[in-house]
Amino acid sequence: MVHRRELNGEEIVLGNQGALWGNAMTWWDHETGSIWSQPRGEAIAGPLTGESLELIPSTLTTWEAWRTAHPGTLALDIAAWPTAFALDDMAIVVDLGSASAAYPVPAVREAGVVNDTVAGVEIAVAVDPDNEQRWAVFSRRLDEGTVALQTTPDGLVDTVTGTVFDPFLGVGISGPLADENLDKLPAFTSFPDDYLTFFPTGRIWRG
């Protein structure tokens, strides 16, 4: 997950605190020494306890899958060990403040796309049928109304208008709403067993 390092108009500097909370990384901020939970982006100890950072859209995927969608991307190349995280083992988490939900990746792959509602927001959770390492969460709300999506070989198709959208970028490809784009929503991946530690009132989508 990726958070904006701005709080109340001020940029904060974060470091790895070294301990785990709920089996996940914690940070500390250089200004106040407060301790932050990485998954929640929330200060859990210190002067800033209860403050939260804004979650911004990001994705866990392979470099190859990312470069296919964004060929002009530059990346920091440093010596490191291969990641032990596999997308198949994760759930896609949508946290909209007043409510959250987790969508196990294998179940989303089987469904192709999940039409759901979280905190009153109509969303779609999709895995790209052309590359199962790419996923995205979109708002299903457009000016013309709410789309209902299903997966086809062409992409995500609105069952009402027949409009086809790119399953990773949300861009309209063809049909009556081809000039529209689905807004990508912030989401992140988590191990399903850890999800309820951070979101005890959340729900796990089972299909």
N, C-alpha and C. Protein backbone atom coordinates (compact mmCIF):
# COMPACT_ATOMS: atom_id res chain seq x y z
N MET A 1 0.84 -1.20 0.00
CA MET A 1 0.00 0.00 0.00
C MET A 1 0.87 1.25 0.00
N VAL A 2 0.32 2.34 -0.47
CA VAL A 2 1.06 3.60 -0.59
C VAL A 2 0.22 4.70 0.07
N HIS A 3 0.86 5.49 0.92
CA HIS A 3 0.18 6.59 1.59
C HIS A 3 0.86 7.91 1.26
N ARG A 4 0.09 8.97 1.24
CA ARG A 4 0.63 10.31 1.03
C ARG A 4 1.28 10.79 2.33
N ARG A 5 2.51 11.29 2.24
CA ARG A 5 3.26 11.71 3.43
C ARG A 5 2.95 13.15 3.83
N GLU A 6 1.72 13.52 3.74
CA GLU A 6 1.33 14.88 4.11
C GLU A 6 0.25 14.79 5.17
N LEU A 7 0.43 15.54 6.23
CA LEU A 7 -0.52 15.53 7.33
C LEU A 7 -0.77 16.97 7.77
N ASN A 8 -2.02 17.40 7.67
CA ASN A 8 -2.40 18.76 8.07
C ASN A 8 -1.52 19.81 7.36
N GLY A 9 -1.25 19.55 6.08
CA GLY A 9 -0.49 20.49 5.28
C GLY A 9 1.01 20.41 5.44
N GLU A 10 1.51 19.51 6.28
CA GLU A 10 2.94 19.37 6.50
C GLU A 10 3.42 18.02 6.01
N GLU A 11 4.59 17.99 5.37
CA GLU A 11 5.20 16.74 4.93
C GLU A 11 5.91 16.09 6.11
N ILE A 12 5.70 14.79 6.30
CA ILE A 12 6.36 14.09 7.38
C ILE A 12 7.34 13.07 6.80
N VAL A 13 8.38 12.78 7.57
CA VAL A 13 9.41 11.83 7.16
C VAL A 13 9.26 10.58 8.02
N LEU A 14 9.15 9.43 7.36
CA LEU A 14 8.90 8.17 8.06
C LEU A 14 10.09 7.23 7.93
N GLY A 15 10.30 6.42 8.95
CA GLY A 15 11.32 5.39 8.93
C GLY A 15 10.74 4.08 9.41
N ASN A 16 11.46 3.00 9.18
CA ASN A 16 11.04 1.67 9.63
C ASN A 16 11.27 1.58 11.13
N GLN A 17 10.20 1.39 11.89
CA GLN A 17 10.31 1.35 13.35
C GLN A 17 10.95 0.05 13.82
N GLY A 18 10.86 -1.01 13.01
CA GLY A 18 11.56 -2.25 13.32
C GLY A 18 10.70 -3.34 13.93
N ALA A 19 9.60 -2.99 14.57
CA ALA A 19 8.72 -3.98 15.19
C ALA A 19 7.52 -4.25 14.28
N LEU A 20 6.84 -5.35 14.53
CA LEU A 20 5.62 -5.68 13.81
C LEU A 20 4.42 -5.45 14.71
N TRP A 21 3.32 -5.03 14.11
CA TRP A 21 2.04 -4.93 14.81
C TRP A 21 1.00 -5.60 13.93
N GLY A 22 0.38 -6.68 14.43
CA GLY A 22 -0.56 -7.42 13.61
C GLY A 22 0.14 -8.10 12.44
N ASN A 23 1.40 -8.53 12.65
CA ASN A 23 2.17 -9.20 11.60
C ASN A 23 2.45 -8.29 10.42
N ALA A 24 2.54 -6.99 10.66
CA ALA A 24 2.82 -6.04 9.58
C ALA A 24 3.77 -4.96 10.08
N MET A 25 4.45 -4.31 9.12
CA MET A 25 5.44 -3.29 9.43
C MET A 25 4.85 -2.11 10.20
N THR A 26 5.68 -1.50 11.04
CA THR A 26 5.34 -0.22 11.65
C THR A 26 6.40 0.81 11.27
N TRP A 27 5.97 2.07 11.21
CA TRP A 27 6.87 3.19 10.93
C TRP A 27 6.99 4.07 12.16
N TRP A 28 7.98 4.96 12.14
CA TRP A 28 8.02 6.06 13.10
C TRP A 28 8.28 7.33 12.32
N ASP A 29 7.73 8.43 12.80
CA ASP A 29 7.97 9.69 12.09
C ASP A 29 9.04 10.49 12.83
N HIS A 30 9.91 11.11 12.06
CA HIS A 30 11.07 11.79 12.62
C HIS A 30 10.69 13.01 13.45
N GLU A 31 9.54 13.60 13.15
CA GLU A 31 9.16 14.85 13.84
C GLU A 31 8.69 14.61 15.26
N THR A 32 7.87 13.59 15.49
CA THR A 32 7.25 13.40 16.81
C THR A 32 7.59 12.05 17.43
N GLY A 33 8.17 11.13 16.67
CA GLY A 33 8.45 9.80 17.19
C GLY A 33 7.22 8.92 17.30
N SER A 34 6.09 9.35 16.74
CA SER A 34 4.88 8.53 16.78
C SER A 34 5.08 7.26 15.98
N ILE A 35 4.39 6.20 16.39
CA ILE A 35 4.48 4.91 15.71
C ILE A 35 3.24 4.74 14.83
N TRP A 36 3.46 4.29 13.59
CA TRP A 36 2.39 4.19 12.60
C TRP A 36 2.23 2.75 12.14
N SER A 37 0.98 2.34 11.95
CA SER A 37 0.67 1.05 11.34
C SER A 37 0.71 1.19 9.83
N GLN A 38 1.53 0.36 9.16
CA GLN A 38 1.63 0.47 7.71
C GLN A 38 0.31 0.16 7.01
N PRO A 39 -0.38 -0.97 7.31
CA PRO A 39 -1.61 -1.25 6.56
C PRO A 39 -2.68 -0.18 6.72
N ARG A 40 -2.80 0.36 7.90
CA ARG A 40 -3.85 1.35 8.14
C ARG A 40 -3.39 2.78 7.85
N GLY A 41 -2.08 3.01 7.81
CA GLY A 41 -1.60 4.38 7.65
C GLY A 41 -2.03 5.25 8.81
N GLU A 42 -2.12 4.66 9.98
CA GLU A 42 -2.65 5.35 11.16
C GLU A 42 -1.63 5.30 12.30
N ALA A 43 -1.48 6.42 12.99
CA ALA A 43 -0.60 6.47 14.16
C ALA A 43 -1.25 5.71 15.31
N ILE A 44 -0.50 4.74 15.87
CA ILE A 44 -1.06 3.90 16.93
C ILE A 44 -0.43 4.16 18.29
N ALA A 45 0.61 4.99 18.33
CA ALA A 45 1.24 5.35 19.60
C ALA A 45 1.97 6.67 19.41
N GLY A 46 2.07 7.45 20.49
CA GLY A 46 2.78 8.72 20.43
C GLY A 46 1.86 9.91 20.26
N PRO A 47 2.44 11.10 20.09
CA PRO A 47 1.66 12.34 20.03
C PRO A 47 0.61 12.39 18.93
N LEU A 48 0.84 11.68 17.83
CA LEU A 48 -0.10 11.75 16.71
C LEU A 48 -1.10 10.59 16.69
N THR A 49 -1.22 9.86 17.78
CA THR A 49 -2.13 8.72 17.84
C THR A 49 -3.53 9.09 17.32
N GLY A 50 -4.03 8.27 16.39
CA GLY A 50 -5.36 8.50 15.83
C GLY A 50 -5.34 9.24 14.51
N GLU A 51 -4.21 9.89 14.18
CA GLU A 51 -4.11 10.57 12.89
C GLU A 51 -3.93 9.53 11.78
N SER A 52 -4.42 9.84 10.58
CA SER A 52 -4.33 8.91 9.46
C SER A 52 -3.77 9.61 8.23
N LEU A 53 -3.01 8.85 7.43
CA LEU A 53 -2.50 9.33 6.16
C LEU A 53 -3.43 8.90 5.03
N GLU A 54 -3.47 9.70 3.98
CA GLU A 54 -4.34 9.40 2.84
C GLU A 54 -3.79 8.21 2.05
N LEU A 55 -4.63 7.22 1.80
CA LEU A 55 -4.27 6.08 0.98
C LEU A 55 -4.45 6.45 -0.49
N ILE A 56 -3.45 6.14 -1.32
CA ILE A 56 -3.55 6.45 -2.74
C ILE A 56 -3.43 5.15 -3.54
N PRO A 57 -3.98 5.12 -4.76
CA PRO A 57 -4.01 3.87 -5.53
C PRO A 57 -2.61 3.31 -5.79
N SER A 58 -2.48 2.00 -5.64
CA SER A 58 -1.24 1.29 -5.95
C SER A 58 -1.61 -0.15 -6.26
N THR A 59 -0.64 -0.94 -6.69
CA THR A 59 -0.94 -2.33 -7.01
C THR A 59 0.27 -3.20 -6.75
N LEU A 60 0.03 -4.41 -6.27
CA LEU A 60 1.05 -5.44 -6.16
C LEU A 60 0.96 -6.30 -7.41
N THR A 61 2.03 -6.31 -8.21
CA THR A 61 2.02 -7.06 -9.46
C THR A 61 3.46 -7.39 -9.83
N THR A 62 3.66 -8.02 -10.96
CA THR A 62 5.01 -8.29 -11.44
C THR A 62 5.52 -7.10 -12.25
N TRP A 63 6.85 -6.98 -12.34
CA TRP A 63 7.45 -5.91 -13.14
C TRP A 63 7.04 -6.04 -14.60
N GLU A 64 7.01 -7.28 -15.09
CA GLU A 64 6.62 -7.50 -16.48
C GLU A 64 5.19 -7.03 -16.74
N ALA A 65 4.28 -7.37 -15.83
CA ALA A 65 2.89 -6.96 -16.01
C ALA A 65 2.75 -5.45 -15.95
N TRP A 66 3.50 -4.81 -15.04
CA TRP A 66 3.43 -3.35 -14.93
C TRP A 66 3.98 -2.68 -16.18
N ARG A 67 5.12 -3.16 -16.68
CA ARG A 67 5.72 -2.54 -17.86
C ARG A 67 4.84 -2.67 -19.10
N THR A 68 4.09 -3.77 -19.18
CA THR A 68 3.18 -3.94 -20.31
C THR A 68 2.13 -2.83 -20.33
N ALA A 69 1.62 -2.48 -19.14
CA ALA A 69 0.59 -1.43 -19.05
C ALA A 69 1.20 -0.04 -19.06
N HIS A 70 2.41 0.10 -18.54
CA HIS A 70 3.06 1.42 -18.41
C HIS A 70 4.49 1.32 -18.93
N PRO A 71 4.68 1.24 -20.25
CA PRO A 71 6.01 0.98 -20.81
C PRO A 71 7.03 2.07 -20.54
N GLY A 72 6.61 3.26 -20.20
CA GLY A 72 7.55 4.35 -19.95
C GLY A 72 8.02 4.45 -18.52
N THR A 73 7.69 3.49 -17.66
CA THR A 73 8.00 3.57 -16.25
C THR A 73 9.51 3.46 -16.00
N LEU A 74 10.02 4.29 -15.07
CA LEU A 74 11.37 4.17 -14.56
C LEU A 74 11.30 3.58 -13.15
N ALA A 75 12.30 2.77 -12.80
CA ALA A 75 12.28 2.12 -11.49
C ALA A 75 13.65 2.20 -10.85
N LEU A 76 13.67 2.24 -9.51
CA LEU A 76 14.91 2.21 -8.76
C LEU A 76 15.45 0.78 -8.78
N ASP A 77 16.67 0.62 -9.27
CA ASP A 77 17.28 -0.71 -9.41
C ASP A 77 18.36 -0.86 -8.35
N ILE A 78 18.06 -1.65 -7.31
CA ILE A 78 19.02 -1.88 -6.24
C ILE A 78 19.11 -3.38 -5.97
N ALA A 79 20.21 -3.78 -5.38
CA ALA A 79 20.37 -5.19 -5.04
C ALA A 79 19.38 -5.57 -3.94
N ALA A 80 18.64 -6.66 -4.16
CA ALA A 80 17.65 -7.09 -3.17
C ALA A 80 17.32 -8.55 -3.41
N TRP A 81 16.70 -9.16 -2.40
CA TRP A 81 16.26 -10.53 -2.54
C TRP A 81 14.92 -10.57 -3.25
N PRO A 82 14.62 -11.65 -3.96
CA PRO A 82 13.29 -11.78 -4.58
C PRO A 82 12.21 -11.73 -3.51
N THR A 83 11.08 -11.13 -3.84
CA THR A 83 9.99 -11.03 -2.88
C THR A 83 9.39 -12.40 -2.61
N ALA A 84 8.94 -12.58 -1.37
CA ALA A 84 8.27 -13.82 -1.00
C ALA A 84 6.76 -13.70 -1.12
N PHE A 85 6.28 -12.53 -1.53
CA PHE A 85 4.85 -12.32 -1.64
C PHE A 85 4.33 -12.81 -2.99
N ALA A 86 3.29 -13.60 -2.97
CA ALA A 86 2.65 -14.08 -4.19
C ALA A 86 1.21 -13.59 -4.19
N LEU A 87 0.77 -13.05 -5.32
CA LEU A 87 -0.56 -12.49 -5.39
C LEU A 87 -1.64 -13.52 -5.07
N ASP A 88 -1.39 -14.78 -5.43
CA ASP A 88 -2.37 -15.84 -5.16
C ASP A 88 -2.68 -15.99 -3.68
N ASP A 89 -1.74 -15.58 -2.81
CA ASP A 89 -1.90 -15.76 -1.37
C ASP A 89 -2.58 -14.57 -0.71
N MET A 90 -2.93 -13.55 -1.48
CA MET A 90 -3.39 -12.29 -0.91
C MET A 90 -4.88 -12.06 -1.13
N ALA A 91 -5.38 -11.07 -0.40
CA ALA A 91 -6.72 -10.54 -0.64
C ALA A 91 -6.59 -9.07 -0.99
N ILE A 92 -7.46 -8.59 -1.87
CA ILE A 92 -7.51 -7.18 -2.23
C ILE A 92 -8.42 -6.47 -1.24
N VAL A 93 -7.88 -5.48 -0.56
CA VAL A 93 -8.62 -4.79 0.51
C VAL A 93 -9.08 -3.42 0.02
N VAL A 94 -10.36 -3.16 0.21
CA VAL A 94 -10.93 -1.85 -0.09
C VAL A 94 -11.38 -1.25 1.24
N ASP A 95 -10.75 -0.15 1.65
CA ASP A 95 -11.07 0.52 2.91
C ASP A 95 -11.54 1.92 2.60
N LEU A 96 -12.82 2.17 2.83
CA LEU A 96 -13.39 3.49 2.53
C LEU A 96 -13.75 4.26 3.80
N GLY A 97 -13.05 3.95 4.88
CA GLY A 97 -13.22 4.72 6.11
C GLY A 97 -14.29 4.15 7.02
N SER A 98 -15.54 4.26 6.62
CA SER A 98 -16.63 3.78 7.47
C SER A 98 -16.88 2.29 7.29
N ALA A 99 -16.31 1.69 6.27
CA ALA A 99 -16.48 0.25 6.02
C ALA A 99 -15.34 -0.23 5.14
N SER A 100 -15.07 -1.54 5.24
CA SER A 100 -14.04 -2.14 4.40
C SER A 100 -14.45 -3.54 4.02
N ALA A 101 -13.80 -4.08 2.99
CA ALA A 101 -14.04 -5.45 2.55
C ALA A 101 -12.77 -5.99 1.94
N ALA A 102 -12.61 -7.32 2.03
CA ALA A 102 -11.45 -8.00 1.47
C ALA A 102 -11.92 -9.03 0.46
N TYR A 103 -11.19 -9.13 -0.65
CA TYR A 103 -11.57 -10.00 -1.76
C TYR A 103 -10.39 -10.92 -2.07
N PRO A 104 -10.43 -12.18 -1.62
CA PRO A 104 -9.32 -13.10 -1.91
C PRO A 104 -9.07 -13.18 -3.41
N VAL A 105 -7.80 -13.04 -3.80
CA VAL A 105 -7.46 -12.96 -5.22
C VAL A 105 -7.92 -14.19 -6.00
N PRO A 106 -7.73 -15.43 -5.50
CA PRO A 106 -8.21 -16.58 -6.28
C PRO A 106 -9.72 -16.53 -6.54
N ALA A 107 -10.50 -16.03 -5.58
CA ALA A 107 -11.94 -15.93 -5.77
C ALA A 107 -12.29 -14.86 -6.81
N VAL A 108 -11.54 -13.75 -6.81
CA VAL A 108 -11.78 -12.70 -7.81
C VAL A 108 -11.40 -13.22 -9.19
N ARG A 109 -10.30 -13.96 -9.28
CA ARG A 109 -9.90 -14.53 -10.57
C ARG A 109 -11.01 -15.44 -11.11
N GLU A 110 -11.58 -16.24 -10.24
CA GLU A 110 -12.64 -17.15 -10.67
C GLU A 110 -13.86 -16.38 -11.14
N ALA A 111 -14.19 -15.29 -10.45
CA ALA A 111 -15.36 -14.49 -10.83
C ALA A 111 -15.06 -13.59 -12.03
N GLY A 112 -13.80 -13.22 -12.21
CA GLY A 112 -13.43 -12.29 -13.28
C GLY A 112 -13.54 -10.86 -12.81
N VAL A 113 -14.71 -10.49 -12.35
CA VAL A 113 -14.94 -9.16 -11.79
C VAL A 113 -16.01 -9.29 -10.72
N VAL A 114 -15.86 -8.54 -9.63
CA VAL A 114 -16.82 -8.54 -8.53
C VAL A 114 -17.50 -7.19 -8.49
N ASN A 115 -18.82 -7.16 -8.67
CA ASN A 115 -19.62 -5.95 -8.50
C ASN A 115 -20.11 -5.94 -7.06
N ASP A 116 -19.75 -4.90 -6.31
CA ASP A 116 -20.08 -4.87 -4.89
C ASP A 116 -20.33 -3.44 -4.46
N THR A 117 -20.73 -3.28 -3.20
CA THR A 117 -20.92 -1.96 -2.61
C THR A 117 -20.22 -1.94 -1.26
N VAL A 118 -19.38 -0.93 -1.03
CA VAL A 118 -18.67 -0.76 0.23
C VAL A 118 -18.90 0.67 0.71
N ALA A 119 -19.41 0.81 1.92
CA ALA A 119 -19.70 2.13 2.49
C ALA A 119 -20.57 2.97 1.56
N GLY A 120 -21.51 2.32 0.89
CA GLY A 120 -22.43 3.02 0.00
C GLY A 120 -21.85 3.34 -1.36
N VAL A 121 -20.61 2.93 -1.62
CA VAL A 121 -19.95 3.20 -2.90
C VAL A 121 -20.00 1.94 -3.76
N GLU A 122 -20.53 2.07 -4.98
CA GLU A 122 -20.58 0.93 -5.89
C GLU A 122 -19.20 0.73 -6.50
N ILE A 123 -18.62 -0.45 -6.30
CA ILE A 123 -17.26 -0.70 -6.75
C ILE A 123 -17.21 -1.93 -7.65
N ALA A 124 -16.10 -2.07 -8.36
CA ALA A 124 -15.80 -3.29 -9.12
C ALA A 124 -14.37 -3.68 -8.80
N VAL A 125 -14.16 -4.93 -8.43
CA VAL A 125 -12.83 -5.48 -8.19
C VAL A 125 -12.55 -6.44 -9.33
N ALA A 126 -11.49 -6.19 -10.09
CA ALA A 126 -11.27 -6.95 -11.32
C ALA A 126 -9.83 -7.43 -11.42
N VAL A 127 -9.67 -8.63 -11.98
CA VAL A 127 -8.38 -9.15 -12.38
C VAL A 127 -8.36 -9.19 -13.90
N ASP A 128 -7.28 -8.68 -14.48
CA ASP A 128 -7.16 -8.61 -15.93
C ASP A 128 -7.12 -10.02 -16.52
N PRO A 129 -8.09 -10.39 -17.38
CA PRO A 129 -8.09 -11.75 -17.94
C PRO A 129 -6.89 -12.02 -18.83
N ASP A 130 -6.23 -10.97 -19.36
CA ASP A 130 -5.05 -11.15 -20.20
C ASP A 130 -3.78 -11.30 -19.40
N ASN A 131 -3.81 -10.91 -18.13
CA ASN A 131 -2.63 -11.03 -17.28
C ASN A 131 -3.11 -11.11 -15.83
N GLU A 132 -3.08 -12.30 -15.27
CA GLU A 132 -3.66 -12.52 -13.94
C GLU A 132 -2.84 -11.89 -12.81
N GLN A 133 -1.71 -11.26 -13.15
CA GLN A 133 -0.93 -10.55 -12.14
C GLN A 133 -1.36 -9.08 -12.02
N ARG A 134 -2.33 -8.67 -12.85
CA ARG A 134 -2.78 -7.27 -12.81
C ARG A 134 -4.21 -7.22 -12.29
N TRP A 135 -4.44 -6.31 -11.35
CA TRP A 135 -5.78 -6.15 -10.77
C TRP A 135 -6.03 -4.67 -10.51
N ALA A 136 -7.30 -4.34 -10.31
CA ALA A 136 -7.65 -2.94 -10.04
C ALA A 136 -9.02 -2.90 -9.37
N VAL A 137 -9.27 -1.80 -8.68
CA VAL A 137 -10.58 -1.54 -8.07
C VAL A 137 -11.09 -0.22 -8.63
N PHE A 138 -12.31 -0.24 -9.13
CA PHE A 138 -12.90 0.93 -9.76
C PHE A 138 -14.20 1.33 -9.08
N SER A 139 -14.53 2.60 -9.19
CA SER A 139 -15.89 3.05 -8.90
C SER A 139 -16.77 2.71 -10.10
N ARG A 140 -17.95 2.16 -9.85
CA ARG A 140 -18.86 1.82 -10.94
C ARG A 140 -19.81 2.97 -11.27
N ARG A 141 -19.60 4.10 -10.62
CA ARG A 141 -20.49 5.23 -10.79
C ARG A 141 -19.96 6.18 -11.86
N LEU A 142 -20.77 6.44 -12.89
CA LEU A 142 -20.48 7.44 -13.90
C LEU A 142 -21.61 8.47 -13.89
N ASP A 143 -21.41 9.56 -14.62
CA ASP A 143 -22.46 10.60 -14.68
C ASP A 143 -23.77 10.03 -15.19
N GLU A 144 -23.67 9.03 -16.07
CA GLU A 144 -24.87 8.45 -16.68
C GLU A 144 -25.55 7.43 -15.76
N GLY A 145 -24.91 7.07 -14.67
CA GLY A 145 -25.48 6.08 -13.76
C GLY A 145 -24.43 5.09 -13.32
N THR A 146 -24.88 3.93 -12.87
CA THR A 146 -23.97 2.91 -12.35
C THR A 146 -23.87 1.76 -13.34
N VAL A 147 -22.63 1.37 -13.65
CA VAL A 147 -22.43 0.26 -14.56
C VAL A 147 -22.42 -1.06 -13.79
N ALA A 148 -22.82 -2.13 -14.47
CA ALA A 148 -22.72 -3.48 -13.95
C ALA A 148 -21.80 -4.24 -14.89
N LEU A 149 -20.68 -4.73 -14.36
CA LEU A 149 -19.62 -5.23 -15.23
C LEU A 149 -19.51 -6.75 -15.20
N GLN A 150 -19.12 -7.29 -16.33
CA GLN A 150 -18.77 -8.70 -16.42
C GLN A 150 -17.52 -8.82 -17.29
N THR A 151 -16.79 -9.93 -17.10
CA THR A 151 -15.55 -10.14 -17.84
C THR A 151 -15.82 -10.89 -19.14
N THR A 152 -15.24 -10.37 -20.23
CA THR A 152 -15.30 -11.05 -21.53
C THR A 152 -13.89 -11.04 -22.11
N PRO A 153 -13.64 -11.75 -23.20
CA PRO A 153 -12.32 -11.70 -23.82
C PRO A 153 -11.91 -10.30 -24.26
N ASP A 154 -12.89 -9.40 -24.45
CA ASP A 154 -12.58 -8.04 -24.88
C ASP A 154 -12.21 -7.12 -23.74
N GLY A 155 -12.59 -7.47 -22.51
CA GLY A 155 -12.35 -6.61 -21.36
C GLY A 155 -13.53 -6.66 -20.41
N LEU A 156 -13.74 -5.58 -19.66
CA LEU A 156 -14.89 -5.46 -18.77
C LEU A 156 -16.04 -4.85 -19.57
N VAL A 157 -17.17 -5.51 -19.58
CA VAL A 157 -18.31 -5.05 -20.37
C VAL A 157 -19.45 -4.66 -19.44
N ASP A 158 -19.97 -3.46 -19.66
CA ASP A 158 -21.15 -3.00 -18.94
C ASP A 158 -22.37 -3.73 -19.52
N THR A 159 -23.06 -4.49 -18.68
CA THR A 159 -24.17 -5.30 -19.16
C THR A 159 -25.37 -4.46 -19.59
N VAL A 160 -25.40 -3.18 -19.19
CA VAL A 160 -26.53 -2.31 -19.54
C VAL A 160 -26.32 -1.69 -20.92
N THR A 161 -25.13 -1.12 -21.16
CA THR A 161 -24.90 -0.37 -22.41
C THR A 161 -24.03 -1.12 -23.41
N GLY A 162 -23.36 -2.18 -22.97
CA GLY A 162 -22.45 -2.90 -23.86
C GLY A 162 -21.10 -2.24 -24.01
N THR A 163 -20.83 -1.18 -23.24
CA THR A 163 -19.55 -0.51 -23.31
C THR A 163 -18.45 -1.41 -22.77
N VAL A 164 -17.29 -1.41 -23.45
CA VAL A 164 -16.13 -2.21 -23.03
C VAL A 164 -15.11 -1.28 -22.38
N PHE A 165 -14.62 -1.69 -21.19
CA PHE A 165 -13.60 -0.93 -20.47
C PHE A 165 -12.35 -1.79 -20.31
N ASP A 166 -11.19 -1.12 -20.32
CA ASP A 166 -9.94 -1.82 -20.05
C ASP A 166 -9.97 -2.33 -18.60
N PRO A 167 -9.67 -3.62 -18.35
CA PRO A 167 -9.82 -4.19 -17.02
C PRO A 167 -8.75 -3.77 -16.03
N PHE A 168 -7.68 -3.11 -16.48
CA PHE A 168 -6.64 -2.65 -15.58
C PHE A 168 -6.61 -1.14 -15.45
N LEU A 169 -6.87 -0.44 -16.55
CA LEU A 169 -6.81 1.02 -16.55
C LEU A 169 -8.18 1.67 -16.37
N GLY A 170 -9.27 0.94 -16.66
CA GLY A 170 -10.61 1.50 -16.55
C GLY A 170 -10.99 2.44 -17.67
N VAL A 171 -10.20 2.47 -18.73
CA VAL A 171 -10.46 3.35 -19.86
C VAL A 171 -11.53 2.75 -20.75
N GLY A 172 -12.50 3.57 -21.20
CA GLY A 172 -13.50 3.11 -22.14
C GLY A 172 -12.88 2.79 -23.48
N ILE A 173 -13.18 1.61 -24.02
CA ILE A 173 -12.57 1.17 -25.28
C ILE A 173 -13.55 1.29 -26.45
N SER A 174 -14.77 0.84 -26.23
CA SER A 174 -15.77 0.89 -27.30
C SER A 174 -17.16 0.90 -26.68
N GLY A 175 -18.15 1.33 -27.49
CA GLY A 175 -19.52 1.37 -27.01
C GLY A 175 -19.96 2.78 -26.66
N PRO A 176 -21.21 2.91 -26.20
CA PRO A 176 -21.79 4.24 -25.93
C PRO A 176 -21.03 5.07 -24.91
N LEU A 177 -20.30 4.42 -23.97
CA LEU A 177 -19.58 5.17 -22.93
C LEU A 177 -18.07 5.13 -23.17
N ALA A 178 -17.67 4.97 -24.42
CA ALA A 178 -16.24 4.83 -24.73
C ALA A 178 -15.43 6.06 -24.37
N ASP A 179 -16.08 7.22 -24.23
CA ASP A 179 -15.36 8.43 -23.87
C ASP A 179 -15.28 8.62 -22.35
N GLU A 180 -15.76 7.63 -21.59
CA GLU A 180 -15.75 7.69 -20.13
C GLU A 180 -14.64 6.81 -19.57
N ASN A 181 -14.15 7.16 -18.39
CA ASN A 181 -13.18 6.34 -17.68
C ASN A 181 -13.72 6.00 -16.29
N LEU A 182 -13.52 4.77 -15.86
CA LEU A 182 -13.87 4.39 -14.51
C LEU A 182 -12.79 4.89 -13.56
N ASP A 183 -13.20 5.56 -12.48
CA ASP A 183 -12.23 6.07 -11.51
C ASP A 183 -11.61 4.91 -10.74
N LYS A 184 -10.28 4.88 -10.70
CA LYS A 184 -9.58 3.86 -9.92
C LYS A 184 -9.59 4.25 -8.45
N LEU A 185 -9.95 3.31 -7.58
CA LEU A 185 -10.05 3.57 -6.15
C LEU A 185 -8.83 3.02 -5.42
N PRO A 186 -8.44 3.67 -4.31
CA PRO A 186 -7.32 3.14 -3.52
C PRO A 186 -7.67 1.75 -2.97
N ALA A 187 -6.72 0.85 -3.06
CA ALA A 187 -6.87 -0.50 -2.51
C ALA A 187 -5.48 -1.07 -2.30
N PHE A 188 -5.38 -2.12 -1.52
CA PHE A 188 -4.09 -2.73 -1.29
C PHE A 188 -4.28 -4.21 -1.00
N THR A 189 -3.18 -4.95 -0.95
CA THR A 189 -3.27 -6.38 -0.71
C THR A 189 -2.84 -6.71 0.72
N SER A 190 -3.44 -7.76 1.25
CA SER A 190 -3.15 -8.21 2.61
C SER A 190 -3.32 -9.71 2.65
N PHE A 191 -2.60 -10.36 3.56
CA PHE A 191 -2.88 -11.76 3.80
C PHE A 191 -4.27 -11.87 4.42
N PRO A 192 -5.13 -12.76 3.91
CA PRO A 192 -6.50 -12.85 4.45
C PRO A 192 -6.56 -13.07 5.95
N ASP A 193 -5.63 -13.85 6.49
CA ASP A 193 -5.65 -14.13 7.93
C ASP A 193 -5.34 -12.90 8.76
N ASP A 194 -4.65 -11.92 8.16
CA ASP A 194 -4.29 -10.70 8.90
C ASP A 194 -5.33 -9.60 8.74
N TYR A 195 -6.20 -9.72 7.77
CA TYR A 195 -7.13 -8.63 7.45
C TYR A 195 -7.97 -8.23 8.65
N LEU A 196 -8.58 -9.20 9.33
CA LEU A 196 -9.50 -8.87 10.42
C LEU A 196 -8.77 -8.34 11.66
N THR A 197 -7.44 -8.50 11.70
CA THR A 197 -6.67 -7.89 12.79
C THR A 197 -6.75 -6.37 12.70
N PHE A 198 -6.66 -5.87 11.48
CA PHE A 198 -6.67 -4.42 11.27
C PHE A 198 -8.07 -3.86 11.04
N PHE A 199 -8.97 -4.71 10.55
CA PHE A 199 -10.33 -4.27 10.24
C PHE A 199 -11.32 -5.26 10.87
N PRO A 200 -11.44 -5.25 12.19
CA PRO A 200 -12.25 -6.27 12.88
C PRO A 200 -13.72 -6.22 12.52
N THR A 201 -14.22 -5.11 12.02
CA THR A 201 -15.62 -5.04 11.61
C THR A 201 -15.78 -5.22 10.12
N GLY A 202 -14.71 -5.53 9.41
CA GLY A 202 -14.77 -5.71 7.97
C GLY A 202 -15.37 -7.06 7.59
N ARG A 203 -15.51 -7.28 6.31
CA ARG A 203 -16.05 -8.55 5.81
C ARG A 203 -15.15 -9.08 4.71
N ILE A 204 -15.11 -10.40 4.59
CA ILE A 204 -14.35 -11.06 3.55
C ILE A 204 -15.33 -11.63 2.52
N TRP A 205 -15.18 -11.19 1.28
CA TRP A 205 -16.07 -11.64 0.21
C TRP A 205 -15.76 -13.07 -0.16
N ARG A 206 -16.79 -13.91 -0.20
CA ARG A 206 -16.59 -15.34 -0.45
C ARG A 206 -17.11 -15.77 -1.81
N GLY A 207 -17.73 -14.87 -2.57
CA GLY A 207 -18.24 -15.27 -3.87
C GLY A 207 -19.68 -15.70 -3.80
